[in-house]
Amino acid sequence: MDSRPFGRCPGYDGPSVSIGIPAGRRYQSRRVIGRLEKTVLDCSDPWAPAACYVAVLGMRINEDSDDWAVIGTGPGQRQLVFPRIAHWRAPDRPESRHPPQVHLNIRVDDVDTAEHQIIVLGGSRPPGEVEGRYRVFADPAGHPFCPMCGRHSG
């Protein structure tokens, strides 16, 4: 029996790749299956959050339609997708009646400068959040994200 935290993935016979898992343990996959290409953030209006992140991250619009917007540094690179979801509800913090399921951490040079720019772009600070090395914001559609300052961790 394999003693690794998640056992052995059947069918893998490629090179090992270490990935982090909770509690500081490591898991060895035999090969990489794929690469992260798109992160999808559901919303009711694709254009408000897309425009905000284009400015915050220095990206461009790669695809657009009535029902979604895709932004990134270029087609095929890591991208953010904003599909229109008819009955979507924004996550709320800190009450968590509709808790966020994903949030983005965004490295910035100066969080005070970033805060001003994010507010101008339609972002907001949810009530009750504390300040520190990072601050919690909501994009115009209500998705949480955290501009963080300090050295890159690797």
Protein backbone atom coordinates (compact mmCIF):
# COMPACT_ATOMS: atom_id res chain seq x y z
CA MET A 1 0.00 0.00 0.00
CA ASP A 2 1.28 3.47 -0.90
CA SER A 3 1.93 5.71 2.13
CA ARG A 4 1.66 9.03 0.26
CA PRO A 5 -1.24 11.22 1.42
CA PHE A 6 -3.48 10.60 -1.61
CA GLY A 7 -2.06 7.25 -2.72
CA ARG A 8 -0.89 6.62 -6.26
CA CYS A 9 -2.79 7.91 -9.27
CA PRO A 10 -3.42 4.95 -11.58
CA GLY A 11 -2.00 5.14 -15.09
CA TYR A 12 0.76 7.69 -14.43
CA ASP A 13 4.17 6.65 -15.67
CA GLY A 14 5.75 10.00 -16.57
CA PRO A 15 8.19 12.15 -14.59
CA SER A 16 7.36 13.05 -11.00
CA VAL A 17 6.16 16.55 -10.19
CA SER A 18 5.81 17.83 -6.61
CA ILE A 19 2.71 19.83 -5.77
CA GLY A 20 1.89 21.38 -2.40
CA ILE A 21 -1.03 20.09 -0.36
CA PRO A 22 -2.40 21.23 3.01
CA ALA A 23 -0.39 20.79 6.22
CA GLY A 24 2.95 21.15 4.43
CA ARG A 25 2.87 17.65 2.97
CA ARG A 26 3.99 16.96 -0.58
CA TYR A 27 2.33 14.80 -3.19
CA GLN A 28 4.28 13.28 -6.07
CA SER A 29 2.41 13.01 -9.35
CA ARG A 30 4.05 10.82 -11.94
CA ARG A 31 3.52 13.39 -14.73
CA VAL A 32 1.84 16.67 -15.45
CA ILE A 33 -1.62 16.19 -16.93
CA GLY A 34 -2.15 19.75 -18.11
CA ARG A 35 -1.57 23.40 -17.35
CA LEU A 36 -3.77 26.09 -15.90
CA GLU A 37 -5.09 28.18 -18.75
CA LYS A 38 -8.29 29.90 -17.63
CA THR A 39 -9.85 30.84 -14.32
CA VAL A 40 -13.61 31.34 -14.68
CA LEU A 41 -15.42 33.91 -12.53
CA ASP A 42 -19.20 33.74 -12.91
CA CYS A 43 -21.09 37.06 -12.95
CA SER A 44 -24.27 38.73 -14.17
CA ASP A 45 -22.46 41.37 -16.29
CA PRO A 46 -19.18 40.18 -17.86
CA TRP A 47 -17.92 43.61 -18.88
CA ALA A 48 -17.65 45.37 -15.50
CA PRO A 49 -15.24 42.89 -13.86
CA ALA A 50 -13.38 42.30 -17.16
CA ALA A 51 -12.68 46.03 -17.55
CA CYS A 52 -11.55 46.26 -13.91
CA TYR A 53 -9.06 43.38 -14.21
CA VAL A 54 -7.78 44.57 -17.62
CA ALA A 55 -6.65 47.75 -15.87
CA VAL A 56 -5.50 46.13 -12.60
CA LEU A 57 -3.47 43.34 -14.24
CA GLY A 58 -2.36 45.07 -17.47
CA MET A 59 -4.14 42.46 -19.58
CA ARG A 60 -6.16 42.83 -22.77
CA ILE A 61 -9.49 41.55 -24.01
CA ASN A 62 -8.93 38.31 -25.95
CA GLU A 63 -12.55 37.33 -26.63
CA ASP A 64 -15.86 39.08 -26.28
CA SER A 65 -19.50 38.26 -26.86
CA ASP A 66 -22.84 39.14 -25.35
CA ASP A 67 -22.47 36.30 -22.84
CA TRP A 68 -18.80 36.35 -21.81
CA ALA A 69 -15.52 38.22 -21.82
CA VAL A 70 -12.06 36.64 -21.79
CA ILE A 71 -9.01 38.66 -20.77
CA GLY A 72 -5.33 37.75 -20.61
CA THR A 73 -1.85 38.62 -21.81
CA GLY A 74 -2.52 36.79 -25.08
CA PRO A 75 -4.59 33.93 -26.51
CA GLY A 76 -3.50 30.58 -25.08
CA GLN A 77 -1.82 32.17 -22.04
CA ARG A 78 -3.38 32.23 -18.57
CA GLN A 79 -6.68 34.01 -18.86
CA LEU A 80 -9.66 35.11 -16.79
CA VAL A 81 -13.12 34.31 -18.16
CA PHE A 82 -16.28 36.16 -17.11
CA PRO A 83 -19.42 34.30 -18.27
CA ARG A 84 -22.89 35.83 -17.87
CA ILE A 85 -24.89 33.70 -15.40
CA ALA A 86 -28.58 34.64 -15.25
CA HIS A 87 -29.25 34.15 -11.51
CA TRP A 88 -25.74 34.69 -10.17
CA ARG A 89 -25.37 36.16 -6.67
CA ALA A 90 -22.23 37.94 -5.54
CA PRO A 91 -20.40 36.47 -2.54
CA ASP A 92 -20.68 38.52 0.63
CA ARG A 93 -18.00 39.03 3.23
CA PRO A 94 -17.69 38.72 6.13
CA GLU A 95 -21.30 37.52 6.69
CA SER A 96 -20.93 34.59 4.25
CA ARG A 97 -24.59 34.05 3.44
CA HIS A 98 -23.17 33.53 -0.08
CA PRO A 99 -19.53 32.66 0.66
CA PRO A 100 -16.81 33.15 -1.95
CA GLN A 101 -15.53 29.90 -3.41
CA VAL A 102 -12.42 31.35 -5.06
CA HIS A 103 -10.49 34.57 -4.76
CA LEU A 104 -7.45 36.01 -6.50
CA ASN A 105 -4.25 37.19 -4.81
CA ILE A 106 -2.64 39.97 -6.85
CA ARG A 107 0.93 41.14 -6.12
CA VAL A 108 1.21 44.97 -6.05
CA ASP A 109 4.08 47.38 -5.32
CA ASP A 110 2.06 49.57 -2.96
CA VAL A 111 -1.29 48.53 -1.51
CA ASP A 112 -2.38 52.12 -0.73
CA THR A 113 -1.85 53.20 -4.35
CA ALA A 114 -3.53 50.02 -5.57
CA GLU A 115 -6.53 50.66 -3.31
CA HIS A 116 -7.13 54.09 -4.82
CA GLN A 117 -6.83 52.75 -8.38
CA ILE A 118 -9.13 49.78 -7.67
CA ILE A 119 -11.83 52.04 -6.24
CA VAL A 120 -11.64 54.28 -9.35
CA LEU A 121 -12.09 51.15 -11.50
CA GLY A 122 -15.32 50.21 -9.68
CA GLY A 123 -13.90 47.89 -7.02
CA SER A 124 -14.96 48.20 -3.39
CA ARG A 125 -13.88 47.27 0.14
CA PRO A 126 -16.34 44.92 1.84
CA PRO A 127 -17.34 46.18 5.30
CA GLY A 128 -15.61 44.67 8.31
CA GLU A 129 -12.36 43.67 6.61
CA VAL A 130 -9.11 44.38 8.49
CA GLU A 131 -6.00 45.90 6.91
CA GLY A 132 -2.60 44.24 6.85
CA ARG A 133 -0.11 43.11 4.21
CA TYR A 134 -3.16 42.48 2.06
CA ARG A 135 -6.64 43.94 1.88
CA VAL A 136 -9.81 42.31 0.64
CA PHE A 137 -11.63 44.00 -2.23
CA ALA A 138 -14.58 43.08 -4.39
CA ASP A 139 -14.47 43.63 -8.15
CA PRO A 140 -17.48 45.39 -9.76
CA ALA A 141 -19.36 42.05 -9.91
CA GLY A 142 -18.61 41.25 -6.23
CA HIS A 143 -15.79 38.65 -6.60
CA PRO A 144 -13.27 38.99 -3.77
CA PHE A 145 -9.60 39.58 -4.49
CA CYS A 146 -6.61 40.59 -2.40
CA PRO A 147 -3.89 43.00 -3.54
CA MET A 148 -0.80 41.95 -1.60
CA CYS A 149 2.52 43.73 -1.18
CA GLY A 150 5.87 42.32 -0.19
CA ARG A 151 8.38 40.00 -1.77
CA HIS A 152 7.18 37.36 -4.17
CA SER A 153 7.16 33.97 -2.47
CA GLY A 154 8.52 32.09 -5.42
